[in-house]
C-alpha atoms as a PDB file:
ATOM      1  CA  UNK A   1       4.751  -6.991  62.151  1.00  0.00           C
ATOM      2  CA  UNK A   2       5.325  -4.268  61.548  1.00  0.00           C
ATOM      3  CA  UNK A   3       5.149  -3.661  57.712  1.00  0.00           C
ATOM      4  CA  UNK A   4       1.001  -4.955  58.231  1.00  0.00           C
ATOM      5  CA  UNK A   5       0.699  -2.611  60.930  1.00  0.00           C
ATOM      6  CA  UNK A   6       1.794   0.518  58.006  1.00  0.00           C
ATOM      7  CA  UNK A   7       0.190  -1.586  55.356  1.00  0.00           C
ATOM      8  CA  UNK A   8      -3.177  -1.862  57.513  1.00  0.00           C
ATOM      9  CA  UNK A   9      -3.206   2.115  58.212  1.00  0.00           C
ATOM     10  CA  UNK A  10      -2.809   2.424  54.074  1.00  0.00           C
ATOM     11  CA  UNK A  11      -5.966   0.817  53.527  1.00  0.00           C
ATOM     12  CA  UNK A  12      -7.702   2.939  56.139  1.00  0.00           C
ATOM     13  CA  UNK A  13      -6.224   5.988  54.676  1.00  0.00           C
ATOM     14  CA  UNK A  14      -7.822   6.112  51.736  1.00  0.00           C
ATOM     15  CA  UNK A  15      -8.713   9.531  51.049  1.00  0.00           C
ATOM     16  CA  UNK A  16      -5.934  11.008  53.227  1.00  0.00           C
ATOM     17  CA  UNK A  17      -2.580  11.273  52.135  1.00  0.00           C
ATOM     18  CA  UNK A  18       0.425   9.012  51.983  1.00  0.00           C
ATOM     19  CA  UNK A  19       1.921  11.203  55.091  1.00  0.00           C
ATOM     20  CA  UNK A  20       2.814   7.650  57.519  1.00  0.00           C
ATOM     21  CA  UNK A  21       6.234   7.062  54.571  1.00  0.00           C
ATOM     22  CA  UNK A  22       7.023  11.148  55.161  1.00  0.00           C
ATOM     23  CA  UNK A  23       5.576  11.814  51.422  1.00  0.00           C
ATOM     24  CA  UNK A  24       2.410  14.219  50.640  1.00  0.00           C
ATOM     25  CA  UNK A  25       1.029  12.255  47.843  1.00  0.00           C
ATOM     26  CA  UNK A  26      -2.626  12.859  47.667  1.00  0.00           C
ATOM     27  CA  UNK A  27      -5.040   9.383  47.089  1.00  0.00           C
ATOM     28  CA  UNK A  28      -6.669  11.414  44.581  1.00  0.00           C
ATOM     29  CA  UNK A  29      -3.261  12.323  42.576  1.00  0.00           C
ATOM     30  CA  UNK A  30      -2.458   8.772  42.684  1.00  0.00           C
ATOM     31  CA  UNK A  31      -5.790   7.885  41.280  1.00  0.00           C
ATOM     32  CA  UNK A  32      -5.595  10.655  38.100  1.00  0.00           C
ATOM     33  CA  UNK A  33      -1.782   9.435  37.340  1.00  0.00           C
ATOM     34  CA  UNK A  34      -3.246   5.597  37.135  1.00  0.00           C
ATOM     35  CA  UNK A  35      -6.650   6.622  35.000  1.00  0.00           C
ATOM     36  CA  UNK A  36      -3.586   9.253  32.797  1.00  0.00           C
ATOM     37  CA  UNK A  37      -1.370   5.942  32.654  1.00  0.00           C
ATOM     38  CA  UNK A  38      -3.960   3.646  31.132  1.00  0.00           C
ATOM     39  CA  UNK A  39      -4.913   6.475  28.809  1.00  0.00           C
ATOM     40  CA  UNK A  40      -1.586   6.698  27.893  1.00  0.00           C
ATOM     41  CA  UNK A  41      -1.869   3.017  27.241  1.00  0.00           C
ATOM     42  CA  UNK A  42      -4.950   3.409  25.781  1.00  0.00           C
ATOM     43  CA  UNK A  43      -3.548   5.354  23.228  1.00  0.00           C
ATOM     44  CA  UNK A  44      -0.446   2.868  22.337  1.00  0.00           C
ATOM     45  CA  UNK A  45      -2.331   0.372  21.606  1.00  0.00           C
ATOM     46  CA  UNK A  46      -4.439   1.996  19.043  1.00  0.00           C
ATOM     47  CA  UNK A  47      -0.994   3.398  17.091  1.00  0.00           C
ATOM     48  CA  UNK A  48       0.418   0.617  17.040  1.00  0.00           C
ATOM     49  CA  UNK A  49      -2.513  -1.368  15.986  1.00  0.00           C
ATOM     50  CA  UNK A  50      -2.428   0.399  13.134  1.00  0.00           C
ATOM     51  CA  UNK A  51       1.185   0.980  12.628  1.00  0.00           C
ATOM     52  CA  UNK A  52       0.882  -3.162  12.269  1.00  0.00           C
ATOM     53  CA  UNK A  53      -1.889  -2.349   9.883  1.00  0.00           C
ATOM     54  CA  UNK A  54       0.130  -0.151   7.773  1.00  0.00           C
ATOM     55  CA  UNK A  55       2.578  -2.216   7.496  1.00  0.00           C
ATOM     56  CA  UNK A  56       0.997  -5.748   6.539  1.00  0.00           C
ATOM     57  CA  UNK A  57      -1.427  -3.406   3.687  1.00  0.00           C
ATOM     58  CA  UNK A  58       1.738  -2.404   2.866  1.00  0.00           C
ATOM     59  CA  UNK A  59       3.364  -5.360   2.108  1.00  0.00           C
ATOM     60  CA  UNK A  60       0.156  -7.352   0.702  1.00  0.00           C
ATOM     61  CA  UNK A  61      -0.068  -4.546  -2.201  1.00  0.00           C
ATOM     62  CA  UNK A  62       3.022  -3.469  -2.680  1.00  0.00           C
ATOM     63  CA  UNK A  63       2.782   0.515  -2.609  1.00  0.00           C
ATOM     64  CA  UNK A  64       5.605   1.309  -4.531  1.00  0.00           C
ATOM     65  CA  UNK A  65       6.759   0.192  -8.390  1.00  0.00           C
ATOM     66  CA  UNK A  66       9.663  -0.822  -9.708  1.00  0.00           C
ATOM     67  CA  UNK A  67      11.509   1.149 -12.351  1.00  0.00           C
ATOM     68  CA  UNK A  68      13.713  -0.434 -14.462  1.00  0.00           C
ATOM     69  CA  UNK A  69      15.225   0.908 -18.256  1.00  0.00           C
ATOM     70  CA  UNK A  70      13.730  -1.586 -21.271  1.00  0.00           C
ATOM     71  CA  UNK A  71      16.946  -4.017 -22.442  1.00  0.00           C
ATOM     72  CA  UNK A  72      16.884  -3.879 -25.708  1.00  0.00           C
ATOM     73  CA  UNK A  73      18.746  -7.040 -25.617  1.00  0.00           C
ATOM     74  CA  UNK A  74      15.413  -9.050 -23.546  1.00  0.00           C
ATOM     75  CA  UNK A  75      13.540 -10.995 -26.013  1.00  0.00           C
ATOM     76  CA  UNK A  76       9.824  -9.555 -25.825  1.00  0.00           C
ATOM     77  CA  UNK A  77       7.564  -8.617 -28.180  1.00  0.00           C
ATOM     78  CA  UNK A  78       5.704  -5.142 -28.386  1.00  0.00           C
ATOM     79  CA  UNK A  79       2.231  -5.238 -29.525  1.00  0.00           C
ATOM     80  CA  UNK A  80      -0.168  -2.852 -29.636  1.00  0.00           C
ATOM     81  CA  UNK A  81      -3.324  -3.878 -27.645  1.00  0.00           C
ATOM     82  CA  UNK A  82      -7.274  -3.413 -28.801  1.00  0.00           C
ATOM     83  CA  UNK A  83      -8.895  -1.129 -26.412  1.00  0.00           C
ATOM     84  CA  UNK A  84     -12.629   0.699 -25.675  1.00  0.00           C
ATOM     85  CA  UNK A  85     -12.801   4.061 -24.408  1.00  0.00           C
ATOM     86  CA  UNK A  86     -15.745   4.800 -22.357  1.00  0.00           C
ATOM     87  CA  UNK A  87     -17.484   8.298 -23.277  1.00  0.00           C
ATOM     88  CA  UNK A  88     -18.142   9.348 -20.011  1.00  0.00           C
ATOM     89  CA  UNK A  89     -14.495   9.195 -18.320  1.00  0.00           C
ATOM     90  CA  UNK A  90     -11.740   8.884 -18.731  1.00  0.00           C
ATOM     91  CA  UNK A  91     -11.362   5.059 -18.483  1.00  0.00           C
ATOM     92  CA  UNK A  92     -10.512   2.851 -21.155  1.00  0.00           C
ATOM     93  CA  UNK A  93     -11.372  -0.903 -21.396  1.00  0.00           C
ATOM     94  CA  UNK A  94      -9.554  -3.557 -22.186  1.00  0.00           C
ATOM     95  CA  UNK A  95      -9.121  -6.980 -22.840  1.00  0.00           C
ATOM     96  CA  UNK A  96      -6.300  -8.460 -23.590  1.00  0.00           C
ATOM     97  CA  UNK A  97      -4.699 -12.131 -24.854  1.00  0.00           C
ATOM     98  CA  UNK A  98      -0.737 -11.837 -23.998  1.00  0.00           C
ATOM     99  CA  UNK A  99       1.376 -14.296 -24.952  1.00  0.00           C
ATOM    100  CA  UNK A 100       4.324 -15.394 -23.489  1.00  0.00           C
ATOM    101  CA  UNK A 101       7.163 -13.176 -23.759  1.00  0.00           C
ATOM    102  CA  UNK A 102       5.072 -10.378 -25.357  1.00  0.00           C
ATOM    103  CA  UNK A 103       4.984  -6.528 -23.786  1.00  0.00           C
ATOM    104  CA  UNK A 104       1.084  -5.799 -25.061  1.00  0.00           C
ATOM    105  CA  UNK A 105       0.540  -1.868 -24.572  1.00  0.00           C
ATOM    106  CA  UNK A 106      -1.153   1.113 -25.089  1.00  0.00           C
ATOM    107  CA  UNK A 107      -0.920   3.342 -27.530  1.00  0.00           C
ATOM    108  CA  UNK A 108       1.212   6.982 -26.706  1.00  0.00           C
ATOM    109  CA  UNK A 109      -1.293   9.490 -25.223  1.00  0.00           C
ATOM    110  CA  UNK A 110       0.633  12.765 -22.845  1.00  0.00           C
ATOM    111  CA  UNK A 111       0.350  12.900 -19.482  1.00  0.00           C
ATOM    112  CA  UNK A 112       1.984  16.027 -16.971  1.00  0.00           C
ATOM    113  CA  UNK A 113       4.623  14.834 -14.244  1.00  0.00           C
ATOM    114  CA  UNK A 114       3.165  13.953 -10.455  1.00  0.00           C
ATOM    115  CA  UNK A 115      -0.468  13.279 -11.880  1.00  0.00           C
ATOM    116  CA  UNK A 116      -2.002   9.750 -12.272  1.00  0.00           C
ATOM    117  CA  UNK A 117      -3.228   6.598 -14.182  1.00  0.00           C
ATOM    118  CA  UNK A 118      -4.653   4.115 -12.334  1.00  0.00           C
ATOM    119  CA  UNK A 119      -4.621   0.718 -13.612  1.00  0.00           C
ATOM    120  CA  UNK A 120      -6.628  -2.119 -12.678  1.00  0.00           C
ATOM    121  CA  UNK A 121      -6.750  -5.498 -14.297  1.00  0.00           C
ATOM    122  CA  UNK A 122      -7.528  -9.020 -13.455  1.00  0.00           C
ATOM    123  CA  UNK A 123      -4.940 -11.149 -14.773  1.00  0.00           C
ATOM    124  CA  UNK A 124      -5.730 -15.156 -15.530  1.00  0.00           C
ATOM    125  CA  UNK A 125      -4.073 -17.515 -14.845  1.00  0.00           C
ATOM    126  CA  UNK A 126      -3.781 -16.421 -11.594  1.00  0.00           C
ATOM    127  CA  UNK A 127      -1.277 -18.362 -10.567  1.00  0.00           C
ATOM    128  CA  UNK A 128       1.386 -16.467 -13.036  1.00  0.00           C
ATOM    129  CA  UNK A 129       3.517 -13.465 -12.169  1.00  0.00           C
ATOM    130  CA  UNK A 130       3.301 -10.392 -14.926  1.00  0.00           C
ATOM    131  CA  UNK A 131       4.582  -7.313 -14.885  1.00  0.00           C
ATOM    132  CA  UNK A 132       1.962  -4.296 -15.492  1.00  0.00           C
ATOM    133  CA  UNK A 133       2.884  -0.475 -15.253  1.00  0.00           C
ATOM    134  CA  UNK A 134       4.111   2.391 -17.596  1.00  0.00           C
ATOM    135  CA  UNK A 135       6.103   2.828 -19.889  1.00  0.00           C
ATOM    136  CA  UNK A 136       7.599   7.240 -19.914  1.00  0.00           C
ATOM    137  CA  UNK A 137       9.066   9.258 -23.029  1.00  0.00           C
ATOM    138  CA  UNK A 138      12.468   7.365 -22.123  1.00  0.00           C
ATOM    139  CA  UNK A 139      11.597   4.228 -22.766  1.00  0.00           C
ATOM    140  CA  UNK A 140      12.050   3.345 -18.434  1.00  0.00           C
ATOM    141  CA  UNK A 141       8.849   0.526 -16.943  1.00  0.00           C
ATOM    142  CA  UNK A 142       7.310   1.899 -14.189  1.00  0.00           C
ATOM    143  CA  UNK A 143       5.439  -1.093 -13.007  1.00  0.00           C
ATOM    144  CA  UNK A 144       4.228  -3.920 -10.664  1.00  0.00           C
ATOM    145  CA  UNK A 145       4.959  -7.242 -10.497  1.00  0.00           C
ATOM    146  CA  UNK A 146       1.748  -9.550 -10.165  1.00  0.00           C
ATOM    147  CA  UNK A 147      -0.740 -12.443  -9.920  1.00  0.00           C
ATOM    148  CA  UNK A 148      -4.517 -12.501 -10.399  1.00  0.00           C
ATOM    149  CA  UNK A 149      -5.092  -8.632 -10.089  1.00  0.00           C
ATOM    150  CA  UNK A 150      -3.988  -5.107  -9.971  1.00  0.00           C
ATOM    151  CA  UNK A 151      -5.490  -1.369  -8.851  1.00  0.00           C
ATOM    152  CA  UNK A 152      -3.080   0.358  -8.397  1.00  0.00           C
ATOM    153  CA  UNK A 153      -2.841   4.665  -8.887  1.00  0.00           C
ATOM    154  CA  UNK A 154       0.958   5.154 -10.460  1.00  0.00           C
ATOM    155  CA  UNK A 155       2.016   8.962 -10.088  1.00  0.00           C
ATOM    156  CA  UNK A 156       3.502  10.060 -13.681  1.00  0.00           C
ATOM    157  CA  UNK A 157       7.867  10.892 -13.572  1.00  0.00           C
ATOM    158  CA  UNK A 158       8.520  12.725 -16.310  1.00  0.00           C
ATOM    159  CA  UNK A 159       6.166  14.597 -18.625  1.00  0.00           C
ATOM    160  CA  UNK A 160       5.622  13.068 -22.177  1.00  0.00           C
ATOM    161  CA  UNK A 161       4.078  10.246 -23.641  1.00  0.00           C
ATOM    162  CA  UNK A 162       3.657   7.106 -21.657  1.00  0.00           C
ATOM    163  CA  UNK A 163       2.160   3.928 -23.082  1.00  0.00           C
ATOM    164  CA  UNK A 164       0.115   1.815 -20.354  1.00  0.00           C
ATOM    165  CA  UNK A 165       1.964  -2.368 -21.239  1.00  0.00           C
ATOM    166  CA  UNK A 166       1.161  -5.827 -19.964  1.00  0.00           C
ATOM    167  CA  UNK A 167       3.930  -7.692 -20.029  1.00  0.00           C
ATOM    168  CA  UNK A 168       4.589 -11.372 -19.572  1.00  0.00           C
ATOM    169  CA  UNK A 169       7.180 -14.079 -19.183  1.00  0.00           C
ATOM    170  CA  UNK A 170       5.268 -16.361 -17.306  1.00  0.00           C
ATOM    171  CA  UNK A 171       5.755 -18.902 -19.264  1.00  0.00           C
ATOM    172  CA  UNK A 172       2.070 -19.332 -20.671  1.00  0.00           C
ATOM    173  CA  UNK A 173      -0.315 -16.975 -22.097  1.00  0.00           C
ATOM    174  CA  UNK A 174      -2.299 -14.638 -20.067  1.00  0.00           C
ATOM    175  CA  UNK A 175      -5.542 -12.582 -20.066  1.00  0.00           C
ATOM    176  CA  UNK A 176      -5.575  -8.857 -18.639  1.00  0.00           C
ATOM    177  CA  UNK A 177      -8.832  -7.533 -18.488  1.00  0.00           C
ATOM    178  CA  UNK A 178      -9.891  -4.569 -17.159  1.00  0.00           C
ATOM    179  CA  UNK A 179      -9.036  -0.964 -17.146  1.00  0.00           C
ATOM    180  CA  UNK A 180      -7.207   1.791 -17.147  1.00  0.00           C
ATOM    181  CA  UNK A 181      -7.714   5.984 -16.763  1.00  0.00           C
ATOM    182  CA  UNK A 182      -5.776   7.951 -18.672  1.00  0.00           C
END
């Protein structure tokens, strides 16, 4: 009964302070604190949604490319592929058939450290994995292993002559068609 009476007093004194408890906290202050907490919760949820979205997109697109020095003992045949240069840009069109056990690559071209090349290719059949990337001057492969397609900007790690490549060890012949930007 005694507690019920205090709650009744609390309800009656909506805009007054809570002086029955010995505390002098105004209702306006409590309301302001609740609004602040709600705003912070909304910000927290937005941040968590952003982080979740970034994590999902990173796991799907695999931001980071792999690196590996060419192993002389690997049974991969190097071939230079045909390419068409588009005059109004640095975009080069490729339409390569890459047999199993073949690394099809471009002619060498010069790039500075920190610059980038964009590789945008469709791979068929879409179920086969291939390595797509570039070989640097030290014959280190910078690549992503992909199925179906790639649209990736590779940041050049070392100044020198590089070659864009598609390496196929899938067990079947694949086609790689699209562009890369010098």
